[in-house]
Amino acid sequence: MLKKRIIPTFLFRNNRLVKGVNFSNYRDIGEPKSNIKIFNSQNTDEIIFINIDKKKNIDSLCAILKDASKYCFMPLTAGGGIRSLSDIKRLLVSGADKVSINSKILEDINFLKKSSTEFGCQCIIVGIDVKKINGKYRVMKNYGKTIYKTSLEDYIKICKDYGAGEFFINNIDRDGTRNGYNLNLAKKIESFTDLPIIFTGGANNFNDLYQLFNCTKNTAAGCMSLFCFGDNSPIRARSYLRNRNINVKQK
């Protein structure tokens, strides 16, 4: 059985880390280097960096990864602005262990197949932004502003067939709200695929992590507000979950 992972997820813009609510109203939460060092000292399972800068230039993200690799000993995932196979290669060479791809796959599903063939599906994560529209969960584009044509279920199944190694599901409706994970959506996603799932959006306390892992088969919980706004830490989170018989990594 795969051990459950707790993954701090950082949004990167203009060389700073930011956090918003429902994909808007972003506020500054610090510079990347100090945050990476803090979470590295906490023996964090993994970290995800997503570049949301409007210029979508991966140069600054590559620079962060190169710097982080000097003192960071946890797996790093990088995404945002990936437009080509060479972009993926640059991120991996710079220190990323995996890449998360969203917009480019929505534009060209064959890019997923090419990426998985070139670099191996184990390092290709498909990012999917999900929002409830007229009672149905839909795949969203353009920072949650546009509905994608394909249904959520069909899109997940297509991505698996084209070489996805893992899914990173961001629930827009719960993003930054600290209202807890949408367990209904999490259960629905896992019914569509047997691939590993990172589910994020809404975590406020350790019990939210417990509920996600206890009620679903999702393999990882993405968190940001939980660790950025308070004195919570991955070490304390793992201890809490271990005491409630959730199979997390021993550190």
Protein backbone atom coordinates (compact mmCIF):
# COMPACT_ATOMS: atom_id res chain seq x y z
CA MET A 1 0.00 0.00 0.00
CA LEU A 2 1.30 3.43 -0.93
CA LYS A 3 2.08 5.65 2.03
CA LYS A 4 0.03 8.84 2.20
CA ARG A 5 1.90 12.01 1.37
CA ILE A 6 1.47 15.56 2.67
CA ILE A 7 2.64 18.02 0.01
CA PRO A 8 3.00 21.78 0.56
CA THR A 9 1.98 23.47 -2.68
CA PHE A 10 3.39 26.88 -3.52
CA LEU A 11 2.30 29.35 -6.17
CA PHE A 12 5.12 31.40 -7.65
CA ARG A 13 4.72 34.84 -9.25
CA ASN A 14 7.18 37.67 -9.85
CA ASN A 15 9.91 35.86 -7.88
CA ARG A 16 7.63 35.64 -4.82
CA LEU A 17 5.31 33.06 -3.30
CA VAL A 18 1.63 34.01 -3.24
CA LYS A 19 -1.67 32.58 -2.02
CA GLY A 20 -5.18 33.40 -3.22
CA VAL A 21 -8.79 32.36 -2.80
CA ASN A 22 -10.67 30.66 -5.66
CA PHE A 23 -7.80 31.50 -8.01
CA SER A 24 -7.95 35.26 -7.31
CA ASN A 25 -7.03 37.95 -4.75
CA TYR A 26 -3.46 36.76 -4.36
CA ARG A 27 -1.36 38.01 -1.48
CA ASP A 28 2.36 37.72 -0.84
CA ILE A 29 3.50 35.03 1.59
CA GLY A 30 7.27 35.28 1.27
CA GLU A 31 10.27 34.49 -0.85
CA PRO A 32 10.93 30.93 -2.07
CA LYS A 33 14.37 30.19 -0.61
CA SER A 34 13.50 30.61 3.06
CA ASN A 35 10.29 28.59 2.68
CA ILE A 36 12.10 25.75 0.96
CA LYS A 37 14.67 25.66 3.76
CA ILE A 38 11.94 25.60 6.41
CA PHE A 39 10.09 22.71 4.82
CA ASN A 40 13.29 20.84 4.09
CA SER A 41 14.13 21.00 7.81
CA GLN A 42 10.66 19.57 8.51
CA ASN A 43 11.45 16.46 6.45
CA THR A 44 8.57 17.25 4.11
CA ASP A 45 7.43 14.44 1.79
CA GLU A 46 7.47 16.60 -1.33
CA ILE A 47 6.97 20.19 -2.50
CA ILE A 48 5.10 21.44 -5.54
CA PHE A 49 5.97 24.76 -7.19
CA ILE A 50 3.50 26.14 -9.73
CA ASN A 51 4.46 29.22 -11.74
CA ILE A 52 1.40 31.48 -12.22
CA ASP A 53 3.29 34.47 -13.54
CA LYS A 54 1.43 35.91 -16.53
CA LYS A 55 4.58 35.86 -18.63
CA LYS A 56 4.75 32.08 -18.11
CA ASN A 57 8.54 32.15 -18.41
CA ILE A 58 10.22 29.15 -16.82
CA ASP A 59 13.61 30.90 -16.45
CA SER A 60 12.90 32.11 -12.91
CA LEU A 61 11.45 28.73 -11.93
CA CYS A 62 14.59 27.01 -13.20
CA ALA A 63 16.69 29.42 -11.15
CA ILE A 64 14.73 28.57 -7.99
CA LEU A 65 15.13 24.84 -8.61
CA LYS A 66 18.87 25.14 -9.18
CA ASP A 67 19.24 27.06 -5.93
CA ALA A 68 16.97 24.70 -3.99
CA SER A 69 18.80 21.59 -5.16
CA LYS A 70 21.88 22.75 -3.24
CA TYR A 71 20.18 22.34 0.15
CA CYS A 72 16.89 20.55 -0.50
CA PHE A 73 16.67 16.79 -0.06
CA MET A 74 12.99 16.20 -0.76
CA PRO A 75 11.34 15.56 -4.14
CA LEU A 76 10.38 18.71 -6.03
CA THR A 77 7.64 19.07 -8.62
CA ALA A 78 7.57 22.11 -10.88
CA GLY A 79 4.86 23.35 -13.23
CA GLY A 80 3.42 26.38 -14.95
CA GLY A 81 4.50 27.70 -18.33
CA ILE A 82 5.60 24.37 -19.81
CA ARG A 83 5.22 24.65 -23.57
CA SER A 84 7.70 22.17 -25.00
CA LEU A 85 9.72 19.04 -24.33
CA SER A 86 12.77 21.24 -23.93
CA ASP A 87 11.00 23.11 -21.11
CA ILE A 88 10.48 19.81 -19.29
CA LYS A 89 14.11 18.88 -19.80
CA ARG A 90 15.28 22.23 -18.44
CA LEU A 91 13.16 21.86 -15.30
CA LEU A 92 14.38 18.32 -14.68
CA VAL A 93 18.01 19.28 -15.24
CA SER A 94 17.53 22.26 -12.90
CA GLY A 95 16.47 19.97 -10.05
CA ALA A 96 12.82 19.00 -10.48
CA ASP A 97 11.99 15.34 -9.92
CA LYS A 98 8.59 15.63 -11.61
CA VAL A 99 6.73 18.19 -13.67
CA SER A 100 3.07 19.16 -13.54
CA ILE A 101 1.50 20.06 -16.87
CA ASN A 102 -1.93 21.60 -17.31
CA SER A 103 -2.64 24.10 -20.11
CA LYS A 104 -0.41 22.55 -22.78
CA ILE A 105 -2.15 19.18 -22.44
CA LEU A 106 -5.56 20.83 -22.72
CA GLU A 107 -4.38 22.41 -25.94
CA ASP A 108 -2.69 19.30 -27.32
CA ILE A 109 -3.33 15.90 -25.75
CA ASN A 110 -0.55 14.41 -27.87
CA PHE A 111 1.94 16.50 -25.90
CA LEU A 112 1.19 14.25 -22.93
CA LYS A 113 2.06 11.14 -24.93
CA LYS A 114 5.26 12.73 -26.22
CA SER A 115 6.26 13.83 -22.71
CA SER A 116 5.66 10.43 -21.14
CA THR A 117 7.51 8.69 -23.96
CA GLU A 118 10.49 11.03 -23.72
CA PHE A 119 10.86 11.28 -19.95
CA GLY A 120 8.83 8.42 -18.50
CA CYS A 121 5.32 8.60 -17.11
CA GLN A 122 6.65 8.44 -13.54
CA CYS A 123 7.70 12.09 -13.73
CA ILE A 124 4.68 13.45 -15.63
CA ILE A 125 1.83 14.80 -13.48
CA VAL A 126 -1.33 16.04 -15.17
CA GLY A 127 -2.69 19.12 -13.41
CA ILE A 128 -6.47 19.54 -13.55
CA ASP A 129 -8.40 22.54 -12.24
CA VAL A 130 -11.96 21.55 -11.35
CA LYS A 131 -15.00 23.69 -10.62
CA LYS A 132 -18.69 22.92 -10.13
CA ILE A 133 -20.78 24.51 -12.88
CA ASN A 134 -24.57 24.03 -12.98
CA GLY A 135 -24.33 21.04 -10.68
CA LYS A 136 -21.53 19.29 -12.59
CA TYR A 137 -17.80 19.15 -11.95
CA ARG A 138 -16.00 20.53 -15.00
CA VAL A 139 -12.42 20.80 -16.16
CA MET A 140 -11.46 24.48 -16.33
CA LYS A 141 -8.96 26.44 -18.44
CA ASN A 142 -7.49 29.94 -18.22
CA TYR A 143 -7.17 30.13 -14.42
CA GLY A 144 -10.69 28.76 -13.93
CA LYS A 145 -12.38 31.18 -16.34
CA THR A 146 -13.21 28.84 -19.23
CA ILE A 147 -14.92 25.46 -19.29
CA TYR A 148 -13.07 22.73 -21.18
CA LYS A 149 -15.12 20.84 -23.75
CA THR A 150 -14.46 17.30 -22.47
CA SER A 151 -16.14 15.93 -19.33
CA LEU A 152 -14.04 15.43 -16.21
CA GLU A 153 -14.41 11.64 -16.31
CA ASP A 154 -13.52 11.34 -19.98
CA TYR A 155 -10.58 13.72 -19.67
CA ILE A 156 -9.05 11.76 -16.80
CA LYS A 157 -9.45 8.48 -18.70
CA ILE A 158 -7.94 9.98 -21.86
CA CYS A 159 -4.96 11.35 -19.93
CA LYS A 160 -4.32 7.94 -18.39
CA ASP A 161 -4.36 6.34 -21.84
CA TYR A 162 -1.94 8.98 -23.12
CA GLY A 163 0.65 8.37 -20.40
CA ALA A 164 -0.20 10.33 -17.26
CA GLY A 165 1.71 9.08 -14.24
CA GLU A 166 -0.24 10.96 -11.59
CA PHE A 167 -3.02 13.53 -11.28
CA PHE A 168 -2.84 16.84 -9.41
CA ILE A 169 -6.45 17.90 -8.79
CA ASN A 170 -7.06 21.49 -7.72
CA ASN A 171 -10.60 22.17 -6.52
CA ILE A 172 -11.18 25.82 -7.45
CA ASP A 173 -14.31 26.15 -5.30
CA ARG A 174 -12.35 25.29 -2.13
CA ASP A 175 -9.04 26.91 -3.08
CA GLY A 176 -7.82 29.06 -0.19
CA THR A 177 -11.18 28.91 1.63
CA ARG A 178 -9.97 26.64 4.48
CA ASN A 179 -13.40 24.97 4.49
CA GLY A 180 -12.04 21.44 4.25
CA TYR A 181 -11.53 19.18 1.26
CA ASN A 182 -14.45 18.40 -1.04
CA LEU A 183 -14.66 14.68 -0.24
CA ASN A 184 -17.45 14.15 -2.76
CA LEU A 185 -15.20 15.37 -5.57
CA ALA A 186 -12.22 13.41 -4.23
CA LYS A 187 -14.25 10.19 -4.24
CA LYS A 188 -15.53 10.90 -7.73
CA ILE A 189 -12.01 11.44 -9.07
CA GLU A 190 -10.73 8.17 -7.62
CA SER A 191 -13.62 6.30 -9.25
CA PHE A 192 -12.31 7.43 -12.65
CA THR A 193 -8.71 6.20 -12.30
CA ASP A 194 -6.37 3.97 -10.35
CA LEU A 195 -3.39 6.31 -10.81
CA PRO A 196 -2.00 8.22 -7.80
CA ILE A 197 -3.94 11.39 -6.98
CA ILE A 198 -2.77 14.58 -5.29
CA PHE A 199 -5.89 16.39 -4.13
CA THR A 200 -5.76 20.02 -3.04
CA GLY A 201 -8.06 22.87 -2.08
CA GLY A 202 -9.54 23.69 1.33
CA ALA A 203 -7.32 22.12 4.03
CA ASN A 204 -7.64 24.04 7.31
CA ASN A 205 -6.48 21.59 9.99
CA PHE A 206 -5.04 18.13 10.50
CA ASN A 207 -8.48 16.58 10.73
CA ASP A 208 -9.11 17.68 7.15
CA LEU A 209 -6.07 15.62 6.12
CA TYR A 210 -7.38 12.68 8.13
CA GLN A 211 -10.82 12.90 6.53
CA LEU A 212 -9.33 12.92 3.03
CA PHE A 213 -7.15 9.88 3.69
CA ASN A 214 -9.71 7.99 5.76
CA CYS A 215 -12.67 8.53 3.43
CA THR A 216 -10.93 8.22 0.06
CA LYS A 217 -8.09 6.35 -1.63
CA ASN A 218 -6.34 9.57 -2.64
CA THR A 219 -2.61 9.12 -2.13
CA ALA A 220 -1.57 12.68 -1.36
CA ALA A 221 -2.95 15.86 0.19
CA GLY A 222 -1.83 19.16 -1.28
CA CYS A 223 -1.75 21.96 1.32
CA MET A 224 -0.79 25.61 1.40
CA SER A 225 -2.87 27.74 3.76
CA LEU A 226 -2.60 25.01 6.41
CA PHE A 227 1.13 25.58 6.74
CA CYS A 228 1.44 29.23 5.71
CA PHE A 229 -1.09 30.77 8.11
CA GLY A 230 -0.38 29.32 11.54
CA ASP A 231 2.15 27.26 13.45
CA ASN A 232 1.32 23.92 11.79
CA SER A 233 4.10 21.82 10.31
CA PRO A 234 4.45 18.60 8.28
CA ILE A 235 6.07 16.91 11.30
CA ARG A 236 3.05 17.62 13.49
CA ALA A 237 0.68 16.64 10.68
CA ARG A 238 2.37 13.26 10.22
CA SER A 239 2.33 12.63 13.97
CA TYR A 240 -1.40 13.41 14.13
CA LEU A 241 -2.18 11.11 11.21
CA ARG A 242 0.04 8.31 12.51
CA ASN A 243 -1.79 8.42 15.83
CA ARG A 244 -5.03 7.93 13.88
CA ASN A 245 -3.64 4.92 12.01
CA ILE A 246 -3.03 6.61 8.67
CA ASN A 247 -0.09 5.07 6.81
CA VAL A 248 2.30 8.01 6.44
CA LYS A 249 6.04 8.05 5.95
CA GLN A 250 8.25 7.64 9.01
CA LYS A 251 10.77 10.47 9.35
